[in-house]
Structures are given as structure tokens and as C-alpha cells.
Amino acid sequence: MPKSKASKAPVPMHPLLAGFMQDWRNETPYGQPTDWLFASTRLKGKQPRSASIMVEDYIRPAAVRVGILSADDQRRFGFHNLRHSLASFLVSVGTNPKVVQGLLRHSDVHTTLQLYSQSVSSDRLAAQGAMLDAMGVRPELVN
């Protein structure tokens, strides 16, 4: 059950992502309009595949392949991590927080900024550098 009215709002899909989804629909044995996009094989496409099975079958192996996790790492990793990473990335590249809020379907932008986006080290260093610049501190003056 969605937490708020904002949780029920549609999320726009970039045409590139829509193309990937259509390719998947063409490849899957459950490609009928009444089938779920990520369908349960056990239930022959008529119910969605469980999130935990999708994580174990696709998300975790992809994270291992690209080096985010090691194969023996037992920490929880799944869709929620992807939401946090998306929010952090979008904020770090200067995306308007209201846009990020809309994509994550949060009812309050403070949830997006306080709980979901984490500044990365380079952002923190840049912020410190901007403050030092504003204060007139030059690198040659620092011991």
C-alpha cells in the first residue's frame, strides 16, 4: 500500500529506458499485454516476480559484475540502495530537488534531501573549497 498520494503518482520514463523495457518484453516468454513485465515464472506471468528473487537473480549479480559488491559480501543490497544512489547522484549533479522529489514520489522534498540523498566526498570537498575561496584563503597561504 502506498504511503501517500505522491506514492501513487506515475513516474515518467525516458525513451531509452522504455526501449530497454520493450526489448525485455520481446525476449520474455511472458510478453502478453496481460502479463507482468517482470513476471513470476512459477505463476506463468500472471503475477509479478517477488522483489527478493529479482534482487538475487539480477540486481546482486549485476552489482558484483561491476564491482559494487564482492561475490562473498552478505550485506543487504537491492532496490532501496538504487533509490538512495539515484537521489544522491541527481542531487550531486545539480538536479533541482523538486525534480528528484517527483521522481522518487516523495510527498515532501525534505524527505528526499534529508533521508535519500547523501553528499559524496567530492561534493563535501568542493563545498569546503568554496567556503575557503569565499574567505579569501589561498592554497599558498596554508602550511
N, C-alpha and C. Protein backbone atom coordinates (compact mmCIF):
# COMPACT_ATOMS: atom_id res chain seq x y z
N MET A 1 0.84 -1.18 0.00
CA MET A 1 0.00 0.00 0.00
C MET A 1 0.89 1.25 0.00
N PRO A 2 0.67 2.17 -0.94
CA PRO A 2 1.47 3.40 -0.97
C PRO A 2 1.30 4.21 0.31
N LYS A 3 2.38 4.91 0.68
CA LYS A 3 2.38 5.68 1.92
C LYS A 3 1.59 6.98 1.80
N SER A 4 1.56 7.56 0.59
CA SER A 4 0.90 8.85 0.41
C SER A 4 0.36 8.96 -1.00
N LYS A 5 -0.36 10.06 -1.26
CA LYS A 5 -0.88 10.32 -2.60
C LYS A 5 0.27 10.42 -3.60
N ALA A 6 1.38 11.02 -3.17
CA ALA A 6 2.55 11.16 -4.04
C ALA A 6 3.10 9.80 -4.44
N SER A 7 2.98 8.80 -3.56
CA SER A 7 3.48 7.46 -3.85
C SER A 7 2.76 6.80 -5.00
N LYS A 8 1.52 7.23 -5.25
CA LYS A 8 0.70 6.64 -6.31
C LYS A 8 0.93 7.32 -7.66
N ALA A 9 1.62 8.44 -7.67
CA ALA A 9 1.80 9.23 -8.89
C ALA A 9 2.62 8.45 -9.92
N PRO A 10 2.29 8.63 -11.20
CA PRO A 10 3.10 7.97 -12.24
C PRO A 10 4.50 8.57 -12.28
N VAL A 11 5.45 7.78 -12.73
CA VAL A 11 6.83 8.23 -12.89
C VAL A 11 7.13 8.26 -14.38
N PRO A 12 7.61 9.39 -14.89
CA PRO A 12 7.92 9.44 -16.33
C PRO A 12 9.07 8.50 -16.66
N MET A 13 9.05 7.96 -17.87
CA MET A 13 10.10 7.03 -18.28
C MET A 13 10.80 7.58 -19.52
N HIS A 14 12.10 7.68 -19.43
CA HIS A 14 12.92 8.15 -20.55
C HIS A 14 12.75 7.17 -21.72
N PRO A 15 12.71 7.67 -22.95
CA PRO A 15 12.55 6.77 -24.11
C PRO A 15 13.60 5.67 -24.20
N LEU A 16 14.83 5.94 -23.78
CA LEU A 16 15.87 4.91 -23.80
C LEU A 16 15.50 3.76 -22.86
N LEU A 17 15.05 4.10 -21.65
CA LEU A 17 14.61 3.08 -20.70
C LEU A 17 13.39 2.34 -21.23
N ALA A 18 12.46 3.07 -21.84
CA ALA A 18 11.27 2.44 -22.43
C ALA A 18 11.68 1.43 -23.50
N GLY A 19 12.72 1.77 -24.26
CA GLY A 19 13.23 0.83 -25.28
C GLY A 19 13.78 -0.44 -24.65
N PHE A 20 14.53 -0.28 -23.55
CA PHE A 20 15.04 -1.46 -22.84
C PHE A 20 13.89 -2.33 -22.34
N MET A 21 12.86 -1.69 -21.81
CA MET A 21 11.70 -2.43 -21.31
C MET A 21 10.99 -3.17 -22.44
N GLN A 22 10.89 -2.52 -23.60
CA GLN A 22 10.25 -3.17 -24.74
C GLN A 22 11.09 -4.35 -25.23
N ASP A 23 12.42 -4.19 -25.23
CA ASP A 23 13.30 -5.31 -25.60
C ASP A 23 13.08 -6.49 -24.66
N TRP A 24 12.97 -6.20 -23.36
CA TRP A 24 12.72 -7.26 -22.38
C TRP A 24 11.38 -7.93 -22.65
N ARG A 25 10.38 -7.13 -22.93
CA ARG A 25 9.04 -7.66 -23.22
C ARG A 25 9.10 -8.60 -24.43
N ASN A 26 9.91 -8.27 -25.41
CA ASN A 26 10.05 -9.10 -26.60
C ASN A 26 10.80 -10.40 -26.33
N GLU A 27 11.70 -10.39 -25.34
CA GLU A 27 12.52 -11.56 -25.03
C GLU A 27 11.86 -12.53 -24.05
N THR A 28 11.07 -12.00 -23.15
CA THR A 28 10.50 -12.83 -22.09
C THR A 28 9.41 -13.76 -22.64
N PRO A 29 9.27 -14.94 -22.08
CA PRO A 29 8.18 -15.82 -22.52
C PRO A 29 6.81 -15.30 -22.09
N TYR A 30 6.80 -14.28 -21.23
CA TYR A 30 5.55 -13.71 -20.75
C TYR A 30 5.39 -12.30 -21.29
N GLY A 31 5.19 -12.19 -22.57
CA GLY A 31 5.13 -10.90 -23.24
C GLY A 31 3.74 -10.46 -23.65
N GLN A 32 2.73 -11.13 -23.14
CA GLN A 32 1.36 -10.74 -23.47
C GLN A 32 0.97 -9.45 -22.74
N PRO A 33 0.07 -8.67 -23.31
CA PRO A 33 -0.33 -7.42 -22.64
C PRO A 33 -0.86 -7.61 -21.22
N THR A 34 -1.40 -8.78 -20.93
CA THR A 34 -1.93 -9.03 -19.58
C THR A 34 -0.88 -9.58 -18.62
N ASP A 35 0.33 -9.89 -19.13
CA ASP A 35 1.40 -10.40 -18.28
C ASP A 35 2.14 -9.25 -17.61
N TRP A 36 2.71 -9.56 -16.46
CA TRP A 36 3.55 -8.60 -15.76
C TRP A 36 4.86 -8.46 -16.50
N LEU A 37 5.46 -7.28 -16.48
CA LEU A 37 6.73 -7.07 -17.16
C LEU A 37 7.83 -7.95 -16.56
N PHE A 38 7.92 -7.96 -15.24
CA PHE A 38 8.86 -8.83 -14.55
C PHE A 38 8.02 -9.89 -13.85
N ALA A 39 7.74 -10.93 -14.59
CA ALA A 39 6.73 -11.91 -14.18
C ALA A 39 7.32 -13.08 -13.41
N SER A 40 6.46 -13.64 -12.58
CA SER A 40 6.79 -14.87 -11.88
C SER A 40 6.72 -16.02 -12.89
N THR A 41 7.82 -16.77 -13.00
CA THR A 41 7.79 -17.93 -13.89
C THR A 41 6.91 -19.02 -13.32
N ARG A 42 6.91 -19.12 -12.00
CA ARG A 42 6.09 -20.13 -11.34
C ARG A 42 4.60 -19.90 -11.60
N LEU A 43 4.21 -18.62 -11.68
CA LEU A 43 2.80 -18.28 -11.89
C LEU A 43 2.52 -17.88 -13.34
N LYS A 44 3.43 -18.25 -14.23
CA LYS A 44 3.27 -18.10 -15.67
C LYS A 44 2.89 -16.69 -16.14
N GLY A 45 3.51 -15.69 -15.54
CA GLY A 45 3.34 -14.32 -15.99
C GLY A 45 2.15 -13.59 -15.43
N LYS A 46 1.32 -14.26 -14.69
CA LYS A 46 0.08 -13.63 -14.22
C LYS A 46 0.24 -12.89 -12.89
N GLN A 47 1.41 -13.04 -12.26
CA GLN A 47 1.75 -12.31 -11.04
C GLN A 47 3.18 -11.82 -11.18
N PRO A 48 3.54 -10.74 -10.48
CA PRO A 48 4.92 -10.25 -10.59
C PRO A 48 5.90 -11.17 -9.87
N ARG A 49 7.12 -11.17 -10.34
CA ARG A 49 8.20 -11.87 -9.65
C ARG A 49 8.46 -11.12 -8.35
N SER A 50 8.75 -11.82 -7.27
CA SER A 50 8.98 -11.14 -5.99
C SER A 50 10.26 -10.32 -6.07
N ALA A 51 10.25 -9.20 -5.35
CA ALA A 51 11.41 -8.30 -5.36
C ALA A 51 12.67 -9.01 -4.87
N SER A 52 12.54 -9.84 -3.84
CA SER A 52 13.74 -10.50 -3.31
C SER A 52 14.34 -11.47 -4.33
N ILE A 53 13.50 -12.12 -5.11
CA ILE A 53 14.01 -13.03 -6.15
C ILE A 53 14.66 -12.22 -7.27
N MET A 54 14.06 -11.09 -7.63
CA MET A 54 14.68 -10.24 -8.66
C MET A 54 16.04 -9.74 -8.22
N VAL A 55 16.15 -9.38 -6.95
CA VAL A 55 17.44 -8.93 -6.43
C VAL A 55 18.47 -10.04 -6.54
N GLU A 56 18.10 -11.24 -6.09
CA GLU A 56 19.06 -12.36 -6.12
C GLU A 56 19.40 -12.80 -7.54
N ASP A 57 18.43 -12.74 -8.45
CA ASP A 57 18.66 -13.19 -9.83
C ASP A 57 19.34 -12.15 -10.72
N TYR A 58 19.07 -10.87 -10.47
CA TYR A 58 19.55 -9.83 -11.39
C TYR A 58 20.36 -8.71 -10.74
N ILE A 59 19.81 -8.08 -9.70
CA ILE A 59 20.43 -6.88 -9.14
C ILE A 59 21.77 -7.18 -8.47
N ARG A 60 21.79 -8.15 -7.56
CA ARG A 60 23.03 -8.50 -6.87
C ARG A 60 24.11 -8.99 -7.85
N PRO A 61 23.80 -9.90 -8.78
CA PRO A 61 24.83 -10.31 -9.73
C PRO A 61 25.37 -9.15 -10.57
N ALA A 62 24.50 -8.21 -10.93
CA ALA A 62 24.96 -7.05 -11.69
C ALA A 62 25.89 -6.19 -10.84
N ALA A 63 25.56 -6.02 -9.56
CA ALA A 63 26.41 -5.25 -8.65
C ALA A 63 27.78 -5.91 -8.48
N VAL A 64 27.81 -7.22 -8.44
CA VAL A 64 29.08 -7.95 -8.33
C VAL A 64 29.88 -7.78 -9.63
N ARG A 65 29.20 -7.89 -10.78
CA ARG A 65 29.88 -7.75 -12.07
C ARG A 65 30.56 -6.40 -12.23
N VAL A 66 29.93 -5.34 -11.75
CA VAL A 66 30.52 -4.01 -11.93
C VAL A 66 31.39 -3.58 -10.76
N GLY A 67 31.54 -4.44 -9.75
CA GLY A 67 32.45 -4.16 -8.66
C GLY A 67 31.87 -3.39 -7.48
N ILE A 68 30.56 -3.23 -7.43
CA ILE A 68 29.95 -2.55 -6.29
C ILE A 68 29.99 -3.45 -5.06
N LEU A 69 29.80 -4.74 -5.26
CA LEU A 69 29.85 -5.73 -4.19
C LEU A 69 30.83 -6.82 -4.57
N SER A 70 31.43 -7.45 -3.57
CA SER A 70 32.21 -8.66 -3.85
C SER A 70 31.25 -9.85 -3.81
N ALA A 71 31.63 -10.93 -4.44
CA ALA A 71 30.75 -12.10 -4.53
C ALA A 71 30.40 -12.66 -3.15
N ASP A 72 31.29 -12.51 -2.17
CA ASP A 72 31.02 -13.06 -0.83
C ASP A 72 30.43 -12.03 0.14
N ASP A 73 30.10 -10.84 -0.33
CA ASP A 73 29.52 -9.79 0.52
C ASP A 73 28.09 -10.16 0.87
N GLN A 74 27.78 -10.23 2.15
CA GLN A 74 26.45 -10.65 2.59
C GLN A 74 25.54 -9.50 3.00
N ARG A 75 26.02 -8.25 2.84
CA ARG A 75 25.17 -7.11 3.20
C ARG A 75 23.94 -7.06 2.32
N ARG A 76 22.86 -6.50 2.88
CA ARG A 76 21.64 -6.31 2.10
C ARG A 76 21.93 -5.35 0.96
N PHE A 77 21.42 -5.67 -0.19
CA PHE A 77 21.60 -4.81 -1.35
C PHE A 77 20.42 -5.04 -2.27
N GLY A 78 19.75 -3.97 -2.67
CA GLY A 78 18.59 -4.15 -3.53
C GLY A 78 18.04 -2.84 -4.04
N PHE A 79 16.75 -2.82 -4.27
CA PHE A 79 16.10 -1.67 -4.87
C PHE A 79 16.23 -0.41 -4.03
N HIS A 80 16.19 -0.55 -2.72
CA HIS A 80 16.28 0.62 -1.87
C HIS A 80 17.65 1.30 -2.02
N ASN A 81 18.70 0.50 -2.17
CA ASN A 81 20.02 1.06 -2.41
C ASN A 81 20.03 1.85 -3.72
N LEU A 82 19.34 1.33 -4.72
CA LEU A 82 19.29 2.02 -6.01
C LEU A 82 18.55 3.35 -5.88
N ARG A 83 17.49 3.40 -5.09
CA ARG A 83 16.77 4.66 -4.87
C ARG A 83 17.68 5.70 -4.21
N HIS A 84 18.41 5.28 -3.17
CA HIS A 84 19.31 6.20 -2.49
C HIS A 84 20.42 6.67 -3.44
N SER A 85 20.96 5.75 -4.21
CA SER A 85 22.04 6.10 -5.15
C SER A 85 21.54 7.06 -6.21
N LEU A 86 20.34 6.83 -6.73
CA LEU A 86 19.77 7.73 -7.73
C LEU A 86 19.60 9.13 -7.14
N ALA A 87 19.02 9.22 -5.96
CA ALA A 87 18.82 10.53 -5.33
C ALA A 87 20.16 11.23 -5.11
N SER A 88 21.13 10.52 -4.58
CA SER A 88 22.45 11.13 -4.31
C SER A 88 23.09 11.61 -5.60
N PHE A 89 23.02 10.78 -6.64
CA PHE A 89 23.62 11.17 -7.92
C PHE A 89 22.94 12.40 -8.48
N LEU A 90 21.61 12.39 -8.53
CA LEU A 90 20.89 13.52 -9.12
C LEU A 90 21.16 14.81 -8.37
N VAL A 91 21.19 14.76 -7.04
CA VAL A 91 21.49 15.96 -6.26
C VAL A 91 22.93 16.41 -6.53
N SER A 92 23.86 15.46 -6.63
CA SER A 92 25.27 15.81 -6.82
C SER A 92 25.54 16.46 -8.17
N VAL A 93 24.72 16.17 -9.19
CA VAL A 93 24.92 16.79 -10.50
C VAL A 93 24.06 18.04 -10.66
N GLY A 94 23.42 18.47 -9.57
CA GLY A 94 22.70 19.73 -9.59
C GLY A 94 21.25 19.68 -10.04
N THR A 95 20.67 18.51 -10.03
CA THR A 95 19.26 18.40 -10.40
C THR A 95 18.40 19.11 -9.36
N ASN A 96 17.41 19.84 -9.83
CA ASN A 96 16.51 20.54 -8.92
C ASN A 96 15.92 19.53 -7.94
N PRO A 97 16.01 19.80 -6.63
CA PRO A 97 15.47 18.86 -5.64
C PRO A 97 14.00 18.52 -5.83
N LYS A 98 13.21 19.46 -6.37
CA LYS A 98 11.80 19.16 -6.62
C LYS A 98 11.65 18.11 -7.72
N VAL A 99 12.55 18.10 -8.67
CA VAL A 99 12.53 17.08 -9.72
C VAL A 99 12.87 15.72 -9.11
N VAL A 100 13.89 15.68 -8.26
CA VAL A 100 14.28 14.45 -7.59
C VAL A 100 13.12 13.95 -6.72
N GLN A 101 12.49 14.87 -6.00
CA GLN A 101 11.34 14.52 -5.17
C GLN A 101 10.25 13.86 -6.03
N GLY A 102 9.97 14.44 -7.19
CA GLY A 102 8.94 13.89 -8.07
C GLY A 102 9.30 12.51 -8.59
N LEU A 103 10.55 12.32 -8.97
CA LEU A 103 10.97 11.00 -9.47
C LEU A 103 10.87 9.93 -8.40
N LEU A 104 11.20 10.30 -7.17
CA LEU A 104 11.13 9.33 -6.07
C LEU A 104 9.73 9.25 -5.48
N ARG A 105 8.86 10.15 -5.91
CA ARG A 105 7.46 10.20 -5.46
C ARG A 105 7.35 10.41 -3.96
N HIS A 106 8.17 11.32 -3.45
CA HIS A 106 8.05 11.71 -2.05
C HIS A 106 7.04 12.83 -1.92
N SER A 107 6.28 12.84 -0.84
CA SER A 107 5.30 13.91 -0.65
C SER A 107 5.97 15.18 -0.15
N ASP A 108 7.18 15.07 0.40
CA ASP A 108 7.87 16.22 0.98
C ASP A 108 9.32 16.22 0.50
N VAL A 109 9.76 17.36 -0.04
CA VAL A 109 11.13 17.46 -0.54
C VAL A 109 12.17 17.24 0.57
N HIS A 110 11.80 17.52 1.83
CA HIS A 110 12.74 17.30 2.93
C HIS A 110 13.08 15.82 3.07
N THR A 111 12.14 14.94 2.81
CA THR A 111 12.43 13.50 2.85
C THR A 111 13.50 13.18 1.82
N THR A 112 13.34 13.74 0.65
CA THR A 112 14.30 13.50 -0.43
C THR A 112 15.69 13.96 -0.04
N LEU A 113 15.78 15.18 0.47
CA LEU A 113 17.09 15.76 0.75
C LEU A 113 17.71 15.25 2.04
N GLN A 114 16.91 15.00 3.06
CA GLN A 114 17.47 14.59 4.35
C GLN A 114 17.72 13.09 4.45
N LEU A 115 16.87 12.29 3.87
CA LEU A 115 16.99 10.85 4.06
C LEU A 115 17.54 10.11 2.85
N TYR A 116 17.31 10.63 1.66
CA TYR A 116 17.65 9.86 0.48
C TYR A 116 18.91 10.31 -0.23
N SER A 117 19.27 11.55 -0.16
CA SER A 117 20.47 11.97 -0.88
C SER A 117 21.62 12.12 0.10
N GLN A 118 22.71 11.51 -0.25
CA GLN A 118 23.92 11.58 0.56
C GLN A 118 24.97 12.31 -0.26
N SER A 119 25.57 13.33 0.32
CA SER A 119 26.61 14.01 -0.43
C SER A 119 27.82 13.10 -0.52
N VAL A 120 28.48 13.13 -1.65
CA VAL A 120 29.67 12.32 -1.84
C VAL A 120 30.89 13.15 -1.45
N SER A 121 32.00 12.48 -1.19
CA SER A 121 33.20 13.15 -0.70
C SER A 121 33.61 14.33 -1.57
N SER A 122 33.57 14.18 -2.89
CA SER A 122 33.98 15.27 -3.78
C SER A 122 33.08 16.48 -3.59
N ASP A 123 31.78 16.24 -3.32
CA ASP A 123 30.86 17.35 -3.06
C ASP A 123 31.25 18.07 -1.78
N ARG A 124 31.60 17.30 -0.75
CA ARG A 124 31.99 17.90 0.53
C ARG A 124 33.27 18.71 0.39
N LEU A 125 34.24 18.17 -0.34
CA LEU A 125 35.49 18.90 -0.56
C LEU A 125 35.24 20.16 -1.36
N ALA A 126 34.40 20.08 -2.39
CA ALA A 126 34.08 21.26 -3.20
C ALA A 126 33.39 22.32 -2.35
N ALA A 127 32.49 21.89 -1.45
CA ALA A 127 31.81 22.84 -0.57
C ALA A 127 32.81 23.53 0.36
N GLN A 128 33.74 22.75 0.90
CA GLN A 128 34.77 23.34 1.76
C GLN A 128 35.63 24.31 0.97
N GLY A 129 35.98 23.91 -0.25
CA GLY A 129 36.80 24.78 -1.11
C GLY A 129 36.10 26.08 -1.43
N ALA A 130 34.80 26.00 -1.70
CA ALA A 130 34.03 27.21 -1.99
C ALA A 130 34.03 28.15 -0.79
N MET A 131 33.90 27.59 0.40
CA MET A 131 33.91 28.41 1.63
C MET A 131 35.28 29.04 1.82
N LEU A 132 36.34 28.26 1.62
CA LEU A 132 37.69 28.81 1.76
C LEU A 132 37.93 29.92 0.73
N ASP A 133 37.44 29.71 -0.50
CA ASP A 133 37.56 30.75 -1.52
C ASP A 133 36.83 32.02 -1.08
N ALA A 134 35.61 31.84 -0.55
CA ALA A 134 34.82 32.99 -0.10
C ALA A 134 35.52 33.73 1.03
N MET A 135 36.28 33.00 1.84
CA MET A 135 37.01 33.61 2.95
C MET A 135 38.33 34.22 2.49
N GLY A 136 38.69 34.00 1.23
CA GLY A 136 39.93 34.55 0.71
C GLY A 136 41.16 33.73 1.05
N VAL A 137 40.96 32.49 1.47
CA VAL A 137 42.10 31.63 1.80
C VAL A 137 42.65 31.06 0.50
N ARG A 138 43.95 31.29 0.28
CA ARG A 138 44.61 30.79 -0.92
C ARG A 138 45.52 29.62 -0.54
N PRO A 139 45.65 28.63 -1.42
CA PRO A 139 46.48 27.46 -1.09
C PRO A 139 47.92 27.82 -0.68
N GLU A 140 48.49 28.86 -1.28
CA GLU A 140 49.87 29.19 -0.94
C GLU A 140 50.01 29.75 0.48
N LEU A 141 48.88 30.12 1.10
CA LEU A 141 48.93 30.64 2.47
C LEU A 141 48.82 29.52 3.52
N VAL A 142 48.49 28.32 3.08
CA VAL A 142 48.29 27.21 4.01
C VAL A 142 49.59 26.45 4.18
N ASN A 143 49.99 26.18 5.46
CA ASN A 143 51.24 25.44 5.71
C ASN A 143 51.12 24.02 5.25
